[in-house]
């Protein structure tokens, strides 16, 4: 399995390949090869900064001679007019790395800013906000990193680091008991140590899980706020609890106040607006 660093390196290489192709002809035709310059990253909207470390890697991989002065680190609460970094180097390099760096930083900062809003919304409760696998293909590692920078928690990175028995798994397996039993048999045969979460859609399914056991977390899928309270009381702290399905910024605190441990929010990554910023000559 590829490491996070290897995945990011592949992403950067692919992004340069699709953007530059056989050459940035606009830059090559009008900028001398030996021209040197400086650009700064200007923040144009209040939010949480994310992607600084990835941006440094973008510059390094394209042109190791570029010098990056970081003025604001990942996780900094920024405001319109702030200068987050200054980059010095060949003008051609500054121009050819500009869009990729901005695409990454705007996307990650937007996710971190959105996550921070949800985290603030839950302040005073024990509930933590989780991301999901509803991410941009190829960008998952960066988007989940941005969630953490914004104060949220990662659920699972992919299909490989946790067992999550959802409705389709349960139905195809022939029911909750079968799904859990097969899960344990598989983990034993493969010598794997993975946490097990199971989704329930009704109180009947919840009771089946409680009767059987063998899981670490129960996901309450599309439960109403009153039913969430009832379910949390029934579970009684025997398993971790997670609410999921149709929960919005307006309703998330209502769910948190029912005592669930986690609430997963797909909107953190699939419906986010990038944070406005620009990379300008200075």
Protein backbone atom coordinates (compact mmCIF):
# COMPACT_ATOMS: atom_id res chain seq x y z
CA UNK A 1 0.00 0.00 0.00
CA UNK A 2 1.29 3.46 -0.90
CA UNK A 3 2.18 5.85 1.90
CA UNK A 4 0.51 9.26 2.25
CA UNK A 5 3.68 10.89 0.94
CA UNK A 6 3.76 8.64 -2.12
CA UNK A 7 0.10 9.34 -2.88
CA UNK A 8 0.64 13.10 -2.61
CA UNK A 9 3.70 12.86 -4.87
CA UNK A 10 1.65 11.01 -7.48
CA UNK A 11 -1.11 13.59 -7.23
CA UNK A 12 1.33 16.46 -7.78
CA UNK A 13 2.93 14.73 -10.76
CA UNK A 14 -0.46 14.04 -12.35
CA UNK A 15 -1.65 17.59 -11.70
CA UNK A 16 1.42 19.08 -13.38
CA UNK A 17 1.02 16.68 -16.30
CA UNK A 18 -2.60 17.68 -16.95
CA UNK A 19 -1.92 21.42 -16.50
CA UNK A 20 1.42 21.96 -18.23
CA UNK A 21 1.37 19.18 -20.82
CA UNK A 22 4.16 19.76 -23.33
CA UNK A 23 4.87 23.23 -21.98
CA UNK A 24 3.39 26.44 -20.58
CA UNK A 25 3.69 28.25 -23.88
CA UNK A 26 2.31 31.53 -22.52
CA UNK A 27 5.08 31.75 -19.93
CA UNK A 28 7.81 30.34 -22.17
CA UNK A 29 7.13 32.87 -24.93
CA UNK A 30 7.26 36.03 -22.83
CA UNK A 31 9.37 35.34 -19.72
CA UNK A 32 13.18 35.02 -20.04
CA UNK A 33 14.61 31.82 -18.63
CA UNK A 34 16.84 33.62 -16.15
CA UNK A 35 14.25 36.15 -14.89
CA UNK A 36 13.89 36.09 -11.10
CA UNK A 37 10.93 37.29 -9.06
CA UNK A 38 8.86 37.07 -5.92
CA UNK A 39 5.17 36.37 -5.27
CA UNK A 40 3.07 36.37 -2.12
CA UNK A 41 -0.01 34.41 -1.19
CA UNK A 42 -2.76 36.94 -0.45
CA UNK A 43 -5.75 35.85 1.62
CA UNK A 44 -8.98 37.40 0.34
CA UNK A 45 -11.51 35.84 2.71
CA UNK A 46 -11.68 35.01 6.42
CA UNK A 47 -11.21 31.35 7.28
CA UNK A 48 -8.85 28.56 8.38
CA UNK A 49 -5.63 28.19 6.40
CA UNK A 50 -4.76 24.69 5.17
CA UNK A 51 -2.42 23.22 2.58
CA UNK A 52 0.75 25.16 3.38
CA UNK A 53 2.87 22.03 3.76
CA UNK A 54 1.51 20.56 0.53
CA UNK A 55 2.16 23.86 -1.27
CA UNK A 56 5.80 23.72 -0.14
CA UNK A 57 6.03 20.25 -1.68
CA UNK A 58 4.50 21.52 -4.94
CA UNK A 59 7.19 24.19 -5.21
CA UNK A 60 9.97 21.79 -4.23
CA UNK A 61 9.02 19.10 -6.70
CA UNK A 62 8.73 21.55 -9.60
CA UNK A 63 11.85 23.59 -8.86
CA UNK A 64 14.01 22.84 -5.79
CA UNK A 65 15.66 26.27 -6.08
CA UNK A 66 12.43 28.07 -5.11
CA UNK A 67 12.59 29.63 -1.64
CA UNK A 68 9.44 29.62 0.47
CA UNK A 69 9.00 31.91 3.47
CA UNK A 70 6.00 30.71 5.47
CA UNK A 71 4.34 33.50 7.43
CA UNK A 72 1.22 31.58 8.50
CA UNK A 73 1.05 27.84 9.19
CA UNK A 74 -1.69 25.29 8.62
CA UNK A 75 -4.55 25.79 11.05
CA UNK A 76 -4.08 29.56 11.38
CA UNK A 77 -7.27 31.60 11.54
CA UNK A 78 -6.72 34.07 8.69
CA UNK A 79 -8.53 37.20 7.59
CA UNK A 80 -8.88 39.15 4.37
CA UNK A 81 -5.63 40.97 3.55
CA UNK A 82 -3.27 38.57 5.32
CA UNK A 83 -0.09 37.40 3.56
CA UNK A 84 0.41 33.70 4.25
CA UNK A 85 3.69 33.08 2.45
CA UNK A 86 6.27 34.66 0.17
CA UNK A 87 7.97 32.64 -2.58
CA UNK A 88 11.13 33.69 -4.38
CA UNK A 89 12.55 32.05 -7.50
CA UNK A 90 12.52 31.91 -11.26
CA UNK A 91 9.54 33.79 -12.63
CA UNK A 92 8.76 30.87 -14.94
CA UNK A 93 8.56 28.57 -11.93
CA UNK A 94 6.35 30.99 -10.01
CA UNK A 95 3.91 31.19 -12.90
CA UNK A 96 3.81 27.46 -13.64
CA UNK A 97 3.22 26.42 -10.02
CA UNK A 98 0.68 29.14 -9.23
CA UNK A 99 -2.54 27.42 -10.27
CA UNK A 100 -1.78 24.00 -8.79
CA UNK A 101 -0.74 25.52 -5.49
CA UNK A 102 -3.87 27.70 -5.39
CA UNK A 103 -6.18 24.83 -6.35
CA UNK A 104 -4.86 22.75 -3.48
CA UNK A 105 -4.76 25.50 -0.89
CA UNK A 106 -8.15 26.97 -1.76
CA UNK A 107 -9.78 23.53 -1.62
CA UNK A 108 -8.08 22.47 1.62
CA UNK A 109 -8.67 25.85 3.29
CA UNK A 110 -12.34 25.74 2.30
CA UNK A 111 -12.71 22.30 3.89
CA UNK A 112 -10.85 23.35 7.03
CA UNK A 113 -13.02 26.47 7.30
CA UNK A 114 -16.24 24.47 6.85
CA UNK A 115 -15.09 21.91 9.42
CA UNK A 116 -14.26 24.64 11.91
CA UNK A 117 -17.82 25.98 11.60
CA UNK A 118 -19.24 22.55 12.45
CA UNK A 119 -16.80 22.08 15.32
CA UNK A 120 -17.79 25.47 16.76
CA UNK A 121 -21.43 24.49 16.36
CA UNK A 122 -20.83 21.46 18.61
CA UNK A 123 -18.91 23.36 21.28
CA UNK A 124 -19.97 22.35 24.77
CA UNK A 125 -21.07 18.86 23.75
CA UNK A 126 -19.02 15.65 23.79
CA UNK A 127 -19.79 14.97 20.12
CA UNK A 128 -17.04 15.01 17.49
CA UNK A 129 -17.63 15.69 13.81
CA UNK A 130 -16.43 13.07 11.31
CA UNK A 131 -15.73 13.22 7.60
CA UNK A 132 -16.80 10.50 5.15
CA UNK A 133 -15.53 8.82 1.96
CA UNK A 134 -17.49 11.36 -0.10
CA UNK A 135 -14.28 12.96 -1.34
CA UNK A 136 -12.84 14.08 -4.68
CA UNK A 137 -11.19 11.06 -6.36
CA UNK A 138 -7.42 11.31 -5.93
CA UNK A 139 -7.66 14.12 -3.38
CA UNK A 140 -8.89 12.13 -0.39
CA UNK A 141 -5.68 12.30 1.64
CA UNK A 142 -5.51 16.07 1.25
CA UNK A 143 -9.19 16.59 1.96
CA UNK A 144 -9.12 14.43 5.08
CA UNK A 145 -5.97 16.22 6.23
CA UNK A 146 -7.88 19.50 5.83
CA UNK A 147 -10.70 18.16 8.02
CA UNK A 148 -8.19 17.47 10.80
CA UNK A 149 -6.64 20.91 10.38
CA UNK A 150 -10.13 22.37 10.82
CA UNK A 151 -10.58 20.49 14.10
CA UNK A 152 -12.62 17.53 12.86
CA UNK A 153 -11.86 13.80 13.01
CA UNK A 154 -11.24 11.36 10.20
CA UNK A 155 -13.68 8.47 10.04
CA UNK A 156 -11.90 5.86 7.93
CA UNK A 157 -9.47 6.73 5.18
CA UNK A 158 -10.75 4.06 2.80
CA UNK A 159 -12.11 0.55 2.63
CA UNK A 160 -8.92 -0.90 4.11
CA UNK A 161 -8.58 0.57 7.59
CA UNK A 162 -11.92 -0.20 9.23
CA UNK A 163 -14.88 -2.57 8.89
CA UNK A 164 -18.15 -0.71 8.27
CA UNK A 165 -21.12 -3.01 7.79
CA UNK A 166 -23.69 -0.89 5.97
CA UNK A 167 -27.22 -1.73 4.89
CA UNK A 168 -26.20 -3.39 1.61
CA UNK A 169 -23.56 -5.53 3.30
CA UNK A 170 -26.12 -6.67 5.87
CA UNK A 171 -28.81 -7.40 3.29
CA UNK A 172 -26.46 -9.31 0.97
CA UNK A 173 -25.04 -11.27 3.92
CA UNK A 174 -28.49 -12.39 5.02
CA UNK A 175 -28.89 -10.31 8.14
CA UNK A 176 -27.03 -8.69 11.03
CA UNK A 177 -25.93 -11.89 12.78
CA UNK A 178 -24.49 -13.36 9.59
CA UNK A 179 -22.70 -10.11 8.70
CA UNK A 180 -21.02 -9.78 12.10
CA UNK A 181 -20.09 -13.47 12.31
CA UNK A 182 -18.55 -13.46 8.83
CA UNK A 183 -16.70 -10.29 9.68
CA UNK A 184 -15.03 -11.88 12.73
CA UNK A 185 -14.20 -15.05 10.84
CA UNK A 186 -12.57 -13.01 8.07
CA UNK A 187 -10.52 -10.89 10.48
CA UNK A 188 -9.31 -14.01 12.27
CA UNK A 189 -8.35 -15.76 9.03
CA UNK A 190 -6.52 -12.69 7.70
CA UNK A 191 -4.89 -11.87 11.07
CA UNK A 192 -6.30 -8.36 10.94
CA UNK A 193 -7.05 -6.07 13.87
CA UNK A 194 -9.67 -3.61 12.63
CA UNK A 195 -12.48 -1.80 14.43
CA UNK A 196 -15.99 -2.85 13.46
CA UNK A 197 -18.88 -0.45 12.97
CA UNK A 198 -22.39 -1.47 11.95
CA UNK A 199 -25.21 0.62 10.55
CA UNK A 200 -28.74 0.18 11.89
CA UNK A 201 -31.91 1.54 10.29
CA UNK A 202 -34.47 0.72 12.97
CA UNK A 203 -34.88 -0.16 16.62
CA UNK A 204 -35.36 -3.79 15.63
CA UNK A 205 -31.92 -3.83 13.97
CA UNK A 206 -30.45 -1.99 16.94
CA UNK A 207 -31.77 -4.65 19.30
CA UNK A 208 -30.29 -7.40 17.10
CA UNK A 209 -26.87 -5.76 17.38
CA UNK A 210 -27.21 -5.39 21.13
CA UNK A 211 -28.24 -9.03 21.44
CA UNK A 212 -25.33 -10.24 19.31
CA UNK A 213 -22.52 -7.82 20.21
CA UNK A 214 -19.15 -8.08 18.53
CA UNK A 215 -18.89 -4.51 17.24
CA UNK A 216 -17.17 -1.34 18.41
CA UNK A 217 -19.55 1.35 17.12
CA UNK A 218 -23.19 1.58 16.09
CA UNK A 219 -24.21 4.01 13.36
CA UNK A 220 -27.76 5.32 13.70
CA UNK A 221 -28.76 5.90 10.09
CA UNK A 222 -31.45 8.51 9.40
CA UNK A 223 -32.82 8.41 12.95
CA UNK A 224 -34.87 11.42 14.02
CA UNK A 225 -33.65 13.56 16.92
CA UNK A 226 -36.10 11.98 19.44
CA UNK A 227 -35.27 8.47 18.18
CA UNK A 228 -31.57 9.25 18.50
CA UNK A 229 -32.07 10.11 22.16
CA UNK A 230 -34.03 6.89 22.67
CA UNK A 231 -31.35 4.82 20.91
CA UNK A 232 -28.50 6.37 22.88
CA UNK A 233 -30.35 5.59 26.12
CA UNK A 234 -30.94 1.97 25.03
CA UNK A 235 -27.26 1.50 24.08
CA UNK A 236 -26.29 2.90 27.45
CA UNK A 237 -22.63 3.47 26.67
CA UNK A 238 -21.94 -0.17 25.77
CA UNK A 239 -20.80 0.85 22.26
CA UNK A 240 -19.64 4.02 20.60
CA UNK A 241 -22.46 5.80 18.77
CA UNK A 242 -22.56 7.73 15.51
CA UNK A 243 -25.38 9.64 13.85
CA UNK A 244 -25.47 9.82 10.07
CA UNK A 245 -27.81 10.68 7.24
CA UNK A 246 -29.41 14.00 6.34
CA UNK A 247 -27.89 15.97 9.20
CA UNK A 248 -27.33 19.63 8.34
CA UNK A 249 -25.48 22.52 9.95
CA UNK A 250 -28.81 23.71 11.34
CA UNK A 251 -29.72 20.36 12.92
CA UNK A 252 -26.33 18.96 13.96
CA UNK A 253 -26.38 20.44 17.45
CA UNK A 254 -29.83 18.95 18.10
CA UNK A 255 -28.35 15.51 17.40
CA UNK A 256 -25.23 16.18 19.45
CA UNK A 257 -27.32 17.14 22.46
CA UNK A 258 -28.81 13.62 22.44
CA UNK A 259 -25.43 12.25 23.55
CA UNK A 260 -24.00 10.60 20.42
CA UNK A 261 -20.21 10.28 20.31
CA UNK A 262 -19.81 11.14 16.62
CA UNK A 263 -21.73 12.74 13.77
CA UNK A 264 -20.56 12.13 10.21
CA UNK A 265 -21.02 14.95 7.71
CA UNK A 266 -20.43 14.32 4.01
CA UNK A 267 -20.80 18.03 3.27
CA UNK A 268 -17.38 18.71 4.81
CA UNK A 269 -15.79 17.44 1.60
CA UNK A 270 -18.44 17.08 -1.09
CA UNK A 271 -20.20 20.45 -0.88
CA UNK A 272 -17.50 22.90 0.12
CA UNK A 273 -16.54 26.29 -1.34
CA UNK A 274 -12.85 27.06 -1.73
CA UNK A 275 -11.37 29.86 0.37
CA UNK A 276 -10.59 32.88 -1.82
CA UNK A 277 -6.86 33.69 -2.18
CA UNK A 278 -4.44 34.76 -4.89
CA UNK A 279 -0.73 34.47 -5.71
CA UNK A 280 0.53 37.89 -6.82
CA UNK A 281 3.88 39.35 -7.84
CA UNK A 282 5.36 41.57 -5.15
